[in-house]
């Protein structure tokens, strides 16, 4: 006989605390990035979350240099402009 799959209240609490800690740490890390790096990272997250709204082009040079270009036709709201 197996135990039910119900989550224990303590397990849920620990999970929420971990998520909050990771979110806080992540926000502090983003604040340390220069604006252009922050913008690139947010554009990549947007591509992951809504791939249908963006186009991505990956260029690989013979020297090994990689260039990922992300583009969208959706204009950002004023709060997300950098």
C-alpha atoms as a PDB file:
ATOM      1  CA  UNK A   1       0.000   0.000   0.000  1.00  0.00           C
ATOM      2  CA  UNK A   2       1.450   3.373  -0.959  1.00  0.00           C
ATOM      3  CA  UNK A   3       1.101   6.673   0.826  1.00  0.00           C
ATOM      4  CA  UNK A   4      -1.058   9.423  -0.718  1.00  0.00           C
ATOM      5  CA  UNK A   5       0.688  12.034  -2.878  1.00  0.00           C
ATOM      6  CA  UNK A   6      -0.576  14.942  -0.768  1.00  0.00           C
ATOM      7  CA  UNK A   7       2.134  17.509  -0.130  1.00  0.00           C
ATOM      8  CA  UNK A   8       2.997  18.027   3.482  1.00  0.00           C
ATOM      9  CA  UNK A   9       2.421  21.588   4.738  1.00  0.00           C
ATOM     10  CA  UNK A  10       6.069  21.789   5.845  1.00  0.00           C
ATOM     11  CA  UNK A  11       7.265  20.723   2.408  1.00  0.00           C
ATOM     12  CA  UNK A  12       5.159  23.400   0.750  1.00  0.00           C
ATOM     13  CA  UNK A  13       6.427  26.028   3.202  1.00  0.00           C
ATOM     14  CA  UNK A  14      10.075  25.109   2.567  1.00  0.00           C
ATOM     15  CA  UNK A  15       9.477  25.208  -1.176  1.00  0.00           C
ATOM     16  CA  UNK A  16       7.961  28.698  -0.964  1.00  0.00           C
ATOM     17  CA  UNK A  17      10.845  29.945   1.201  1.00  0.00           C
ATOM     18  CA  UNK A  18      13.380  28.572  -1.295  1.00  0.00           C
ATOM     19  CA  UNK A  19      11.584  30.218  -4.204  1.00  0.00           C
ATOM     20  CA  UNK A  20      11.495  33.560  -2.376  1.00  0.00           C
ATOM     21  CA  UNK A  21      15.206  33.304  -1.546  1.00  0.00           C
ATOM     22  CA  UNK A  22      16.140  32.463  -5.115  1.00  0.00           C
ATOM     23  CA  UNK A  23      14.000  35.321  -6.435  1.00  0.00           C
ATOM     24  CA  UNK A  24      15.625  37.832  -4.076  1.00  0.00           C
ATOM     25  CA  UNK A  25      19.133  36.636  -4.956  1.00  0.00           C
ATOM     26  CA  UNK A  26      18.315  36.727  -8.652  1.00  0.00           C
ATOM     27  CA  UNK A  27      16.970  40.292  -8.438  1.00  0.00           C
ATOM     28  CA  UNK A  28      20.144  41.402  -6.613  1.00  0.00           C
ATOM     29  CA  UNK A  29      22.269  39.750  -9.310  1.00  0.00           C
ATOM     30  CA  UNK A  30      20.319  41.501 -12.072  1.00  0.00           C
ATOM     31  CA  UNK A  31      20.912  44.858 -10.382  1.00  0.00           C
ATOM     32  CA  UNK A  32      24.672  44.255 -10.649  1.00  0.00           C
ATOM     33  CA  UNK A  33      24.589  43.688 -14.413  1.00  0.00           C
ATOM     34  CA  UNK A  34      25.199  46.581 -16.790  1.00  0.00           C
ATOM     35  CA  UNK A  35      22.009  47.775 -18.554  1.00  0.00           C
ATOM     36  CA  UNK A  36      22.903  46.186 -21.905  1.00  0.00           C
ATOM     37  CA  UNK A  37      23.536  42.771 -20.291  1.00  0.00           C
ATOM     38  CA  UNK A  38      20.265  43.065 -18.346  1.00  0.00           C
ATOM     39  CA  UNK A  39      18.412  43.867 -21.567  1.00  0.00           C
ATOM     40  CA  UNK A  40      19.963  40.894 -23.361  1.00  0.00           C
ATOM     41  CA  UNK A  41      19.079  38.570 -20.533  1.00  0.00           C
ATOM     42  CA  UNK A  42      15.473  39.794 -20.368  1.00  0.00           C
ATOM     43  CA  UNK A  43      15.138  39.404 -24.152  1.00  0.00           C
ATOM     44  CA  UNK A  44      16.359  35.812 -23.852  1.00  0.00           C
ATOM     45  CA  UNK A  45      13.820  35.120 -21.087  1.00  0.00           C
ATOM     46  CA  UNK A  46      11.100  36.591 -23.298  1.00  0.00           C
ATOM     47  CA  UNK A  47      12.172  34.237 -26.103  1.00  0.00           C
ATOM     48  CA  UNK A  48      11.939  31.262 -23.750  1.00  0.00           C
ATOM     49  CA  UNK A  49       8.526  32.297 -22.358  1.00  0.00           C
ATOM     50  CA  UNK A  50       6.887  33.404 -25.634  1.00  0.00           C
ATOM     51  CA  UNK A  51       8.837  31.941 -28.558  1.00  0.00           C
ATOM     52  CA  UNK A  52       6.073  32.704 -31.059  1.00  0.00           C
ATOM     53  CA  UNK A  53       6.471  36.461 -30.615  1.00  0.00           C
ATOM     54  CA  UNK A  54      10.186  36.582 -31.396  1.00  0.00           C
ATOM     55  CA  UNK A  55      12.600  35.571 -34.089  1.00  0.00           C
ATOM     56  CA  UNK A  56      16.087  34.346 -33.303  1.00  0.00           C
ATOM     57  CA  UNK A  57      19.099  34.263 -35.572  1.00  0.00           C
ATOM     58  CA  UNK A  58      22.288  32.455 -34.561  1.00  0.00           C
ATOM     59  CA  UNK A  59      25.495  33.306 -36.432  1.00  0.00           C
ATOM     60  CA  UNK A  60      28.648  31.270 -35.952  1.00  0.00           C
ATOM     61  CA  UNK A  61      31.899  32.718 -37.289  1.00  0.00           C
ATOM     62  CA  UNK A  62      34.845  30.507 -38.317  1.00  0.00           C
ATOM     63  CA  UNK A  63      36.774  32.028 -35.395  1.00  0.00           C
ATOM     64  CA  UNK A  64      34.229  30.494 -33.006  1.00  0.00           C
ATOM     65  CA  UNK A  65      32.415  33.730 -32.212  1.00  0.00           C
ATOM     66  CA  UNK A  66      28.689  33.268 -31.646  1.00  0.00           C
ATOM     67  CA  UNK A  67      26.061  35.954 -32.145  1.00  0.00           C
ATOM     68  CA  UNK A  68      22.432  35.452 -31.142  1.00  0.00           C
ATOM     69  CA  UNK A  69      20.128  38.161 -32.453  1.00  0.00           C
ATOM     70  CA  UNK A  70      16.618  38.385 -30.988  1.00  0.00           C
ATOM     71  CA  UNK A  71      13.941  40.527 -32.591  1.00  0.00           C
ATOM     72  CA  UNK A  72      10.250  41.148 -31.959  1.00  0.00           C
ATOM     73  CA  UNK A  73       7.534  43.288 -33.469  1.00  0.00           C
ATOM     74  CA  UNK A  74       5.949  43.815 -30.049  1.00  0.00           C
ATOM     75  CA  UNK A  75       6.837  47.175 -28.517  1.00  0.00           C
ATOM     76  CA  UNK A  76       7.682  47.023 -24.800  1.00  0.00           C
ATOM     77  CA  UNK A  77       5.609  48.957 -22.327  1.00  0.00           C
ATOM     78  CA  UNK A  78       7.216  52.034 -20.758  1.00  0.00           C
ATOM     79  CA  UNK A  79       8.055  50.149 -17.544  1.00  0.00           C
ATOM     80  CA  UNK A  80      10.244  47.652 -19.427  1.00  0.00           C
ATOM     81  CA  UNK A  81      12.303  50.028 -21.512  1.00  0.00           C
ATOM     82  CA  UNK A  82      16.009  50.170 -20.686  1.00  0.00           C
END
